[in-house]
Amino acid sequence: MTDDDIHPFDATLVALLDGMLPPDEAERARRRIAADPVLAARLDQLAAGGGRARDAFSALPQPPPELGAWLARQIADVPKVQPIRRRPAWFGLPALRIAAALAAMLAAGISIGYFAGRIAGPESVEEEELAGTPEEWREAVARYLTLYTADTLAGLPDDTALRDRQLAVLTSHLGIPLSASNVAVPDLTFKRAQIFDYEGKPLGQIAYADARGEPVALCILKQKLPDEGLTTEERHGINIVYWSKAGRGYLLAGRLPREQLETMAVDVARRLAG
């Protein structure tokens, strides 16, 4: 291979093809390639026969200083992409990895908190920007519930004392009295109550199952939300009825028909308001 066979930008192109560039550098490289037909053709050439070029570069003990300086100048000249707000980070992870991890945690009975804001993932301008908006927590809950099946809650013990202890934990964190009577939902069986952390705010979840074992969740978020009446929506195949009262957000969610869920939510809202 002669010196004429190597383009000064080859090191960056090879690293881009190998997925070795940091996300911000990769984005700048793609923008430069899109604006430079010569670089685009060179990228195609390397992609078609990249083995020879990679072997050549691997034989070098280190990049020549003048090449490194040239690359630094070229990258510095590329306009930086405007920063965007990081979306809930689990959006960027492969779905099977998320499902496997969460399923294992659910099976172990571990409270996972607001995992959506804790797992690092890429950013994208194509996703709806939910961060900082009232509907973000409903989006997080809906995605969480898509992992539930009839087997998720099966086998949990029907333990009255355990139920009361779990509700006492929610009461202490959420600042509202929760008991077996005021969280009872007609046609649903109480399964468990857990406290999560959502962006530094307590989020309580009470899980139920219907006669077929279909999971339904009542969630309460202690957050400064304006009072709002019952509203329905659907996210990711999960029907949701939500409302807010006295600085707390409430939602009842599951795969039940919307009308049935709304009837249940009316009863729950009445009980909790009392």
C-alpha atoms as a PDB file:
ATOM      1  CA  MET A   1       0.000   0.000   0.000  1.00  0.00           C
ATOM      2  CA  THR A   2       1.417   3.422  -0.973  1.00  0.00           C
ATOM      3  CA  ASP A   3       1.025   6.733   0.801  1.00  0.00           C
ATOM      4  CA  ASP A   4      -1.425   7.737  -1.944  1.00  0.00           C
ATOM      5  CA  ASP A   5      -3.696   4.891  -0.846  1.00  0.00           C
ATOM      6  CA  ILE A   6      -4.201   6.467   2.602  1.00  0.00           C
ATOM      7  CA  HIS A   7      -6.457   9.496   3.023  1.00  0.00           C
ATOM      8  CA  PRO A   8      -5.632  11.800   5.980  1.00  0.00           C
ATOM      9  CA  PHE A   9      -9.142  11.163   7.384  1.00  0.00           C
ATOM     10  CA  ASP A  10      -8.835   7.343   7.139  1.00  0.00           C
ATOM     11  CA  ALA A  11      -8.103   6.846  10.837  1.00  0.00           C
ATOM     12  CA  THR A  12     -11.383   8.536  11.752  1.00  0.00           C
ATOM     13  CA  LEU A  13     -13.296   6.695   9.014  1.00  0.00           C
ATOM     14  CA  VAL A  14     -11.977   3.307  10.150  1.00  0.00           C
ATOM     15  CA  ALA A  15     -12.799   4.109  13.775  1.00  0.00           C
ATOM     16  CA  LEU A  16     -16.308   5.145  12.686  1.00  0.00           C
ATOM     17  CA  LEU A  17     -16.798   1.885  10.786  1.00  0.00           C
ATOM     18  CA  ASP A  18     -15.593  -0.099  13.796  1.00  0.00           C
ATOM     19  CA  GLY A  19     -17.903   1.784  16.171  1.00  0.00           C
ATOM     20  CA  MET A  20     -14.933   3.010  18.186  1.00  0.00           C
ATOM     21  CA  LEU A  21     -15.615   6.752  18.070  1.00  0.00           C
ATOM     22  CA  PRO A  22     -17.296   8.454  21.040  1.00  0.00           C
ATOM     23  CA  PRO A  23     -20.875   9.482  20.155  1.00  0.00           C
ATOM     24  CA  ASP A  24     -20.123  13.202  19.811  1.00  0.00           C
ATOM     25  CA  GLU A  25     -17.082  12.599  17.582  1.00  0.00           C
ATOM     26  CA  ALA A  26     -19.011  10.079  15.499  1.00  0.00           C
ATOM     27  CA  GLU A  27     -21.792  12.615  14.952  1.00  0.00           C
ATOM     28  CA  ARG A  28     -19.315  15.287  13.854  1.00  0.00           C
ATOM     29  CA  ALA A  29     -17.634  12.813  11.512  1.00  0.00           C
ATOM     30  CA  ARG A  30     -20.958  11.860   9.925  1.00  0.00           C
ATOM     31  CA  ARG A  31     -21.824  15.504   9.371  1.00  0.00           C
ATOM     32  CA  ARG A  32     -18.473  16.112   7.691  1.00  0.00           C
ATOM     33  CA  ILE A  33     -18.863  13.013   5.514  1.00  0.00           C
ATOM     34  CA  ALA A  34     -22.363  14.093   4.476  1.00  0.00           C
ATOM     35  CA  ALA A  35     -20.964  17.438   3.318  1.00  0.00           C
ATOM     36  CA  ASP A  36     -17.888  16.015   1.537  1.00  0.00           C
ATOM     37  CA  PRO A  37     -18.493  13.635  -1.434  1.00  0.00           C
ATOM     38  CA  VAL A  38     -14.803  12.656  -1.448  1.00  0.00           C
ATOM     39  CA  LEU A  39     -14.990  11.493   2.167  1.00  0.00           C
ATOM     40  CA  ALA A  40     -18.285   9.718   1.489  1.00  0.00           C
ATOM     41  CA  ALA A  41     -16.683   7.810  -1.417  1.00  0.00           C
ATOM     42  CA  ARG A  42     -13.677   6.984   0.745  1.00  0.00           C
ATOM     43  CA  LEU A  43     -15.965   5.657   3.487  1.00  0.00           C
ATOM     44  CA  ASP A  44     -17.683   3.392   0.961  1.00  0.00           C
ATOM     45  CA  GLN A  45     -14.276   2.200  -0.269  1.00  0.00           C
ATOM     46  CA  LEU A  46     -13.134   1.358   3.259  1.00  0.00           C
ATOM     47  CA  ALA A  47     -16.435  -0.337   4.074  1.00  0.00           C
ATOM     48  CA  ALA A  48     -16.131  -2.537   0.980  1.00  0.00           C
ATOM     49  CA  GLY A  49     -12.491  -3.532   1.543  1.00  0.00           C
ATOM     50  CA  GLY A  50     -11.665  -2.301   4.985  1.00  0.00           C
ATOM     51  CA  GLY A  51      -9.474  -5.221   5.993  1.00  0.00           C
ATOM     52  CA  ARG A  52      -6.457  -3.977   4.048  1.00  0.00           C
ATOM     53  CA  ALA A  53      -6.750  -0.454   5.451  1.00  0.00           C
ATOM     54  CA  ARG A  54      -7.191  -1.674   9.017  1.00  0.00           C
ATOM     55  CA  ASP A  55      -4.160  -3.925   8.712  1.00  0.00           C
ATOM     56  CA  ALA A  56      -2.120  -0.997   7.484  1.00  0.00           C
ATOM     57  CA  PHE A  57      -3.134   1.226  10.361  1.00  0.00           C
ATOM     58  CA  SER A  58      -2.643  -1.487  12.968  1.00  0.00           C
ATOM     59  CA  ALA A  59       0.947  -1.817  11.789  1.00  0.00           C
ATOM     60  CA  LEU A  60       1.693   1.781  12.755  1.00  0.00           C
ATOM     61  CA  PRO A  61       3.008   2.158  16.337  1.00  0.00           C
ATOM     62  CA  GLN A  62       1.179   5.481  16.616  1.00  0.00           C
ATOM     63  CA  PRO A  63      -0.334   8.062  14.254  1.00  0.00           C
ATOM     64  CA  PRO A  64       2.181  10.498  12.786  1.00  0.00           C
ATOM     65  CA  PRO A  65       2.077  13.818  14.706  1.00  0.00           C
ATOM     66  CA  GLU A  66       1.189  15.816  11.609  1.00  0.00           C
ATOM     67  CA  LEU A  67      -1.775  13.513  10.921  1.00  0.00           C
ATOM     68  CA  GLY A  68      -3.058  13.870  14.462  1.00  0.00           C
ATOM     69  CA  ALA A  69      -2.767  17.657  14.301  1.00  0.00           C
ATOM     70  CA  TRP A  70      -4.565  17.719  10.952  1.00  0.00           C
ATOM     71  CA  LEU A  71      -7.412  15.569  12.275  1.00  0.00           C
ATOM     72  CA  ALA A  72      -7.754  17.751  15.365  1.00  0.00           C
ATOM     73  CA  ARG A  73      -8.082  20.859  13.173  1.00  0.00           C
ATOM     74  CA  GLN A  74     -10.634  19.207  10.888  1.00  0.00           C
ATOM     75  CA  ILE A  75     -12.804  17.984  13.755  1.00  0.00           C
ATOM     76  CA  ALA A  76     -12.599  21.353  15.504  1.00  0.00           C
ATOM     77  CA  ASP A  77     -13.903  23.035  12.329  1.00  0.00           C
ATOM     78  CA  VAL A  78     -17.059  20.923  12.229  1.00  0.00           C
ATOM     79  CA  PRO A  79     -20.035  22.753  13.799  1.00  0.00           C
ATOM     80  CA  LYS A  80     -21.106  21.073  16.993  1.00  0.00           C
ATOM     81  CA  VAL A  81     -24.591  19.622  17.238  1.00  0.00           C
ATOM     82  CA  GLN A  82     -26.785  21.591  19.584  1.00  0.00           C
ATOM     83  CA  PRO A  83     -27.229  19.702  22.854  1.00  0.00           C
ATOM     84  CA  ILE A  84     -30.620  18.156  23.423  1.00  0.00           C
ATOM     85  CA  ARG A  85     -32.266  17.086  26.637  1.00  0.00           C
ATOM     86  CA  ARG A  86     -31.480  13.526  27.556  1.00  0.00           C
ATOM     87  CA  ARG A  87     -34.508  11.340  27.167  1.00  0.00           C
ATOM     88  CA  PRO A  88     -35.317   8.616  29.670  1.00  0.00           C
ATOM     89  CA  ALA A  89     -32.151   6.618  29.278  1.00  0.00           C
ATOM     90  CA  TRP A  90     -33.513   3.123  28.912  1.00  0.00           C
ATOM     91  CA  PHE A  91     -34.917   4.110  25.477  1.00  0.00           C
ATOM     92  CA  GLY A  92     -31.471   3.578  24.022  1.00  0.00           C
ATOM     93  CA  LEU A  93     -30.878   0.052  25.319  1.00  0.00           C
ATOM     94  CA  PRO A  94     -31.816  -3.081  23.387  1.00  0.00           C
ATOM     95  CA  ALA A  95     -35.262  -4.206  24.468  1.00  0.00           C
ATOM     96  CA  LEU A  96     -34.228  -7.764  25.247  1.00  0.00           C
ATOM     97  CA  ARG A  97     -31.458  -6.597  27.593  1.00  0.00           C
ATOM     98  CA  ILE A  98     -33.908  -4.346  29.429  1.00  0.00           C
ATOM     99  CA  ALA A  99     -36.539  -7.057  29.688  1.00  0.00           C
ATOM    100  CA  ALA A 100     -34.066  -9.646  30.914  1.00  0.00           C
ATOM    101  CA  ALA A 101     -32.626  -7.369  33.577  1.00  0.00           C
ATOM    102  CA  LEU A 102     -35.976  -6.160  34.848  1.00  0.00           C
ATOM    103  CA  ALA A 103     -37.551  -9.604  34.768  1.00  0.00           C
ATOM    104  CA  ALA A 104     -34.743 -10.904  36.955  1.00  0.00           C
ATOM    105  CA  MET A 105     -35.229  -8.045  39.411  1.00  0.00           C
ATOM    106  CA  LEU A 106     -38.992  -8.517  39.491  1.00  0.00           C
ATOM    107  CA  ALA A 107     -38.586 -12.241  40.127  1.00  0.00           C
ATOM    108  CA  ALA A 108     -36.281 -11.450  43.023  1.00  0.00           C
ATOM    109  CA  GLY A 109     -38.749  -8.964  44.468  1.00  0.00           C
ATOM    110  CA  ILE A 110     -36.212  -6.123  44.288  1.00  0.00           C
ATOM    111  CA  SER A 111     -37.476  -2.540  44.226  1.00  0.00           C
ATOM    112  CA  ILE A 112     -35.807  -1.134  41.152  1.00  0.00           C
ATOM    113  CA  GLY A 113     -36.777   2.528  41.562  1.00  0.00           C
ATOM    114  CA  TYR A 114     -37.016   4.763  38.605  1.00  0.00           C
ATOM    115  CA  PHE A 115     -34.698   2.744  36.406  1.00  0.00           C
ATOM    116  CA  ALA A 116     -35.590   4.807  33.360  1.00  0.00           C
ATOM    117  CA  GLY A 117     -33.515   7.683  34.628  1.00  0.00           C
ATOM    118  CA  ARG A 118     -30.625   5.600  35.824  1.00  0.00           C
ATOM    119  CA  ILE A 119     -29.440   3.567  32.799  1.00  0.00           C
ATOM    120  CA  ALA A 120     -27.132   5.367  30.369  1.00  0.00           C
ATOM    121  CA  GLY A 121     -28.340   5.493  26.767  1.00  0.00           C
ATOM    122  CA  PRO A 122     -27.926   7.514  23.570  1.00  0.00           C
ATOM    123  CA  GLU A 123     -29.825  10.669  22.755  1.00  0.00           C
ATOM    124  CA  SER A 124     -32.077  11.190  19.749  1.00  0.00           C
ATOM    125  CA  VAL A 125     -34.028  14.114  18.391  1.00  0.00           C
ATOM    126  CA  GLU A 126     -36.517  11.659  16.925  1.00  0.00           C
ATOM    127  CA  GLU A 127     -37.959  10.616  20.307  1.00  0.00           C
ATOM    128  CA  GLU A 128     -40.643  12.679  21.973  1.00  0.00           C
ATOM    129  CA  GLU A 129     -39.046  15.058  24.466  1.00  0.00           C
ATOM    130  CA  LEU A 130     -40.797  14.108  27.703  1.00  0.00           C
ATOM    131  CA  ALA A 131     -38.214  15.080  30.284  1.00  0.00           C
ATOM    132  CA  GLY A 132     -39.477  17.687  32.703  1.00  0.00           C
ATOM    133  CA  THR A 133     -43.107  17.409  31.598  1.00  0.00           C
ATOM    134  CA  PRO A 134     -46.005  16.047  33.677  1.00  0.00           C
ATOM    135  CA  GLU A 135     -46.565  13.130  31.314  1.00  0.00           C
ATOM    136  CA  GLU A 136     -43.008  11.813  31.687  1.00  0.00           C
ATOM    137  CA  TRP A 137     -43.819   9.773  34.763  1.00  0.00           C
ATOM    138  CA  ARG A 138     -46.818   8.207  33.019  1.00  0.00           C
ATOM    139  CA  GLU A 139     -44.553   7.250  30.132  1.00  0.00           C
ATOM    140  CA  ALA A 140     -42.088   5.634  32.537  1.00  0.00           C
ATOM    141  CA  VAL A 141     -44.832   3.680  34.327  1.00  0.00           C
ATOM    142  CA  ALA A 142     -46.404   2.540  31.048  1.00  0.00           C
ATOM    143  CA  ARG A 143     -43.093   1.218  29.734  1.00  0.00           C
ATOM    144  CA  TYR A 144     -42.463  -0.543  33.036  1.00  0.00           C
ATOM    145  CA  LEU A 145     -45.865  -2.228  32.881  1.00  0.00           C
ATOM    146  CA  THR A 146     -45.246  -3.549  29.377  1.00  0.00           C
ATOM    147  CA  LEU A 147     -42.851  -6.007  31.068  1.00  0.00           C
ATOM    148  CA  TYR A 148     -45.568  -7.422  33.299  1.00  0.00           C
ATOM    149  CA  THR A 149     -47.355 -10.657  32.439  1.00  0.00           C
ATOM    150  CA  ALA A 150     -49.876 -12.758  34.343  1.00  0.00           C
ATOM    151  CA  ASP A 151     -46.907 -14.708  35.749  1.00  0.00           C
ATOM    152  CA  THR A 152     -45.192 -11.610  37.163  1.00  0.00           C
ATOM    153  CA  LEU A 153     -47.477 -11.436  40.179  1.00  0.00           C
ATOM    154  CA  ALA A 154     -48.373 -15.112  40.355  1.00  0.00           C
ATOM    155  CA  GLY A 155     -47.178 -16.892  43.460  1.00  0.00           C
ATOM    156  CA  LEU A 156     -46.933 -13.806  45.661  1.00  0.00           C
ATOM    157  CA  PRO A 157     -48.126 -14.695  49.162  1.00  0.00           C
ATOM    158  CA  ASP A 158     -51.532 -13.560  50.387  1.00  0.00           C
ATOM    159  CA  ASP A 159     -50.126 -12.195  53.641  1.00  0.00           C
ATOM    160  CA  THR A 160     -52.245  -9.621  55.455  1.00  0.00           C
ATOM    161  CA  ALA A 161     -49.465  -8.540  57.806  1.00  0.00           C
ATOM    162  CA  LEU A 162     -47.029  -8.101  54.905  1.00  0.00           C
ATOM    163  CA  ARG A 163     -49.620  -6.076  52.980  1.00  0.00           C
ATOM    164  CA  ASP A 164     -50.138  -3.741  55.923  1.00  0.00           C
ATOM    165  CA  ARG A 165     -46.390  -3.231  56.354  1.00  0.00           C
ATOM    166  CA  GLN A 166     -45.971  -2.435  52.678  1.00  0.00           C
ATOM    167  CA  LEU A 167     -48.836   0.084  52.768  1.00  0.00           C
ATOM    168  CA  ALA A 168     -47.328   1.676  55.877  1.00  0.00           C
ATOM    169  CA  VAL A 169     -44.096   2.277  53.960  1.00  0.00           C
ATOM    170  CA  LEU A 170     -46.023   3.984  51.162  1.00  0.00           C
ATOM    171  CA  THR A 171     -47.954   6.049  53.686  1.00  0.00           C
ATOM    172  CA  SER A 172     -44.771   7.349  55.296  1.00  0.00           C
ATOM    173  CA  HIS A 173     -43.194   8.313  51.969  1.00  0.00           C
ATOM    174  CA  LEU A 174     -46.244   9.698  50.192  1.00  0.00           C
ATOM    175  CA  GLY A 175     -47.752  11.523  53.159  1.00  0.00           C
ATOM    176  CA  ILE A 176     -51.280  10.156  52.688  1.00  0.00           C
ATOM    177  CA  PRO A 177     -52.975   7.388  54.684  1.00  0.00           C
ATOM    178  CA  LEU A 178     -53.148   4.154  52.717  1.00  0.00           C
ATOM    179  CA  SER A 179     -54.922   1.106  54.082  1.00  0.00           C
ATOM    180  CA  ALA A 180     -56.408  -2.118  52.834  1.00  0.00           C
ATOM    181  CA  SER A 181     -59.837  -0.474  52.762  1.00  0.00           C
ATOM    182  CA  ASN A 182     -59.073   2.677  50.799  1.00  0.00           C
ATOM    183  CA  VAL A 183     -56.876   0.986  48.199  1.00  0.00           C
ATOM    184  CA  ALA A 184     -59.260  -1.917  47.622  1.00  0.00           C
ATOM    185  CA  VAL A 185     -60.458  -2.083  44.003  1.00  0.00           C
ATOM    186  CA  PRO A 186     -63.555  -4.104  43.034  1.00  0.00           C
ATOM    187  CA  ASP A 187     -62.740  -7.185  40.931  1.00  0.00           C
ATOM    188  CA  LEU A 188     -59.011  -6.846  41.631  1.00  0.00           C
ATOM    189  CA  THR A 189     -56.823  -8.706  44.140  1.00  0.00           C
ATOM    190  CA  PHE A 190     -54.102  -6.841  46.025  1.00  0.00           C
ATOM    191  CA  LYS A 191     -50.673  -8.349  45.301  1.00  0.00           C
ATOM    192  CA  ARG A 192     -48.021  -6.012  46.683  1.00  0.00           C
ATOM    193  CA  ALA A 193     -47.087  -2.390  47.370  1.00  0.00           C
ATOM    194  CA  GLN A 194     -43.665  -0.894  46.636  1.00  0.00           C
ATOM    195  CA  ILE A 195     -42.001   2.492  46.913  1.00  0.00           C
ATOM    196  CA  PHE A 196     -39.795   3.713  44.072  1.00  0.00           C
ATOM    197  CA  ASP A 197     -37.724   6.821  43.505  1.00  0.00           C
ATOM    198  CA  TYR A 198     -38.657   8.985  40.543  1.00  0.00           C
ATOM    199  CA  GLU A 199     -36.237  11.871  39.966  1.00  0.00           C
ATOM    200  CA  GLY A 200     -35.828  12.293  43.718  1.00  0.00           C
ATOM    201  CA  LYS A 201     -39.571  12.075  44.417  1.00  0.00           C
ATOM    202  CA  PRO A 202     -41.371   9.119  46.023  1.00  0.00           C
ATOM    203  CA  LEU A 203     -43.451   7.033  43.652  1.00  0.00           C
ATOM    204  CA  GLY A 204     -45.688   4.390  45.201  1.00  0.00           C
ATOM    205  CA  GLN A 205     -47.012   1.443  43.248  1.00  0.00           C
ATOM    206  CA  ILE A 206     -49.736  -0.934  44.322  1.00  0.00           C
ATOM    207  CA  ALA A 207     -50.015  -3.986  42.095  1.00  0.00           C
ATOM    208  CA  TYR A 208     -53.243  -5.921  41.613  1.00  0.00           C
ATOM    209  CA  ALA A 209     -54.374  -8.843  39.486  1.00  0.00           C
ATOM    210  CA  ASP A 210     -57.783  -9.477  37.984  1.00  0.00           C
ATOM    211  CA  ALA A 211     -59.499 -12.868  37.883  1.00  0.00           C
ATOM    212  CA  ARG A 212     -57.311 -13.926  34.918  1.00  0.00           C
ATOM    213  CA  GLY A 213     -54.125 -12.776  36.623  1.00  0.00           C
ATOM    214  CA  GLU A 214     -53.849  -9.703  34.393  1.00  0.00           C
ATOM    215  CA  PRO A 215     -51.732  -7.077  36.212  1.00  0.00           C
ATOM    216  CA  VAL A 216     -53.130  -3.649  37.074  1.00  0.00           C
ATOM    217  CA  ALA A 217     -51.155  -0.940  38.869  1.00  0.00           C
ATOM    218  CA  LEU A 218     -52.192   2.008  40.996  1.00  0.00           C
ATOM    219  CA  CYS A 219     -49.361   4.547  41.148  1.00  0.00           C
ATOM    220  CA  ILE A 220     -49.090   7.659  43.301  1.00  0.00           C
ATOM    221  CA  LEU A 221     -46.418  10.300  42.734  1.00  0.00           C
ATOM    222  CA  LYS A 222     -45.695  12.927  45.382  1.00  0.00           C
ATOM    223  CA  GLN A 223     -45.082  15.898  43.147  1.00  0.00           C
ATOM    224  CA  LYS A 224     -46.360  19.461  42.921  1.00  0.00           C
ATOM    225  CA  LEU A 225     -48.993  18.948  40.269  1.00  0.00           C
ATOM    226  CA  PRO A 226     -52.100  21.104  39.824  1.00  0.00           C
ATOM    227  CA  ASP A 227     -55.435  19.455  40.562  1.00  0.00           C
ATOM    228  CA  GLU A 228     -56.805  17.711  37.485  1.00  0.00           C
ATOM    229  CA  GLY A 229     -59.832  15.516  36.897  1.00  0.00           C
ATOM    230  CA  LEU A 230     -59.779  11.983  35.546  1.00  0.00           C
ATOM    231  CA  THR A 231     -58.292  11.692  32.052  1.00  0.00           C
ATOM    232  CA  THR A 232     -57.674   8.593  29.952  1.00  0.00           C
ATOM    233  CA  GLU A 233     -54.911   7.749  27.508  1.00  0.00           C
ATOM    234  CA  GLU A 234     -53.116   4.777  26.003  1.00  0.00           C
ATOM    235  CA  ARG A 235     -49.344   4.238  25.939  1.00  0.00           C
ATOM    236  CA  HIS A 236     -47.570   1.193  24.509  1.00  0.00           C
ATOM    237  CA  GLY A 237     -50.705  -0.929  24.690  1.00  0.00           C
ATOM    238  CA  ILE A 238     -51.361   0.062  28.319  1.00  0.00           C
ATOM    239  CA  ASN A 239     -54.566   1.926  29.153  1.00  0.00           C
ATOM    240  CA  ILE A 240     -54.120   4.666  31.741  1.00  0.00           C
ATOM    241  CA  VAL A 241     -56.550   6.718  33.790  1.00  0.00           C
ATOM    242  CA  TYR A 242     -54.790   9.563  35.594  1.00  0.00           C
ATOM    243  CA  TRP A 243     -55.665  12.492  37.810  1.00  0.00           C
ATOM    244  CA  SER A 244     -54.008  14.757  40.383  1.00  0.00           C
ATOM    245  CA  LYS A 245     -55.080  16.069  43.745  1.00  0.00           C
ATOM    246  CA  ALA A 246     -53.416  17.991  46.558  1.00  0.00           C
ATOM    247  CA  GLY A 247     -49.938  17.929  45.050  1.00  0.00           C
ATOM    248  CA  ARG A 248     -49.980  14.242  44.118  1.00  0.00           C
ATOM    249  CA  GLY A 249     -50.382  12.511  40.818  1.00  0.00           C
ATOM    250  CA  TYR A 250     -52.418   9.310  40.557  1.00  0.00           C
ATOM    251  CA  LEU A 251     -52.860   6.768  37.818  1.00  0.00           C
ATOM    252  CA  LEU A 252     -54.477   3.397  37.359  1.00  0.00           C
ATOM    253  CA  ALA A 253     -53.007   1.429  34.470  1.00  0.00           C
ATOM    254  CA  GLY A 254     -53.272  -1.971  32.849  1.00  0.00           C
ATOM    255  CA  ARG A 255     -54.343  -3.858  29.754  1.00  0.00           C
ATOM    256  CA  LEU A 256     -57.987  -3.911  30.820  1.00  0.00           C
ATOM    257  CA  PRO A 257     -60.571  -2.200  28.594  1.00  0.00           C
ATOM    258  CA  ARG A 258     -60.493   1.562  29.050  1.00  0.00           C
ATOM    259  CA  GLU A 259     -64.119   1.796  30.216  1.00  0.00           C
ATOM    260  CA  GLN A 260     -63.571  -0.863  32.886  1.00  0.00           C
ATOM    261  CA  LEU A 261     -60.382   0.820  34.068  1.00  0.00           C
ATOM    262  CA  GLU A 262     -62.085   4.207  34.207  1.00  0.00           C
ATOM    263  CA  THR A 263     -64.892   2.815  36.374  1.00  0.00           C
ATOM    264  CA  MET A 264     -62.296   1.395  38.759  1.00  0.00           C
ATOM    265  CA  ALA A 265     -60.389   4.689  38.828  1.00  0.00           C
ATOM    266  CA  VAL A 266     -63.528   6.636  39.764  1.00  0.00           C
ATOM    267  CA  ASP A 267     -63.987   4.341  42.758  1.00  0.00           C
ATOM    268  CA  VAL A 268     -60.304   4.557  43.765  1.00  0.00           C
ATOM    269  CA  ALA A 269     -60.261   8.367  43.500  1.00  0.00           C
ATOM    270  CA  ARG A 270     -63.347   8.555  45.730  1.00  0.00           C
ATOM    271  CA  ARG A 271     -61.810   6.261  48.341  1.00  0.00           C
ATOM    272  CA  LEU A 272     -58.485   8.103  48.452  1.00  0.00           C
ATOM    273  CA  ALA A 273     -60.157  11.502  48.602  1.00  0.00           C
ATOM    274  CA  GLY A 274     -62.051  10.420  51.682  1.00  0.00           C
END
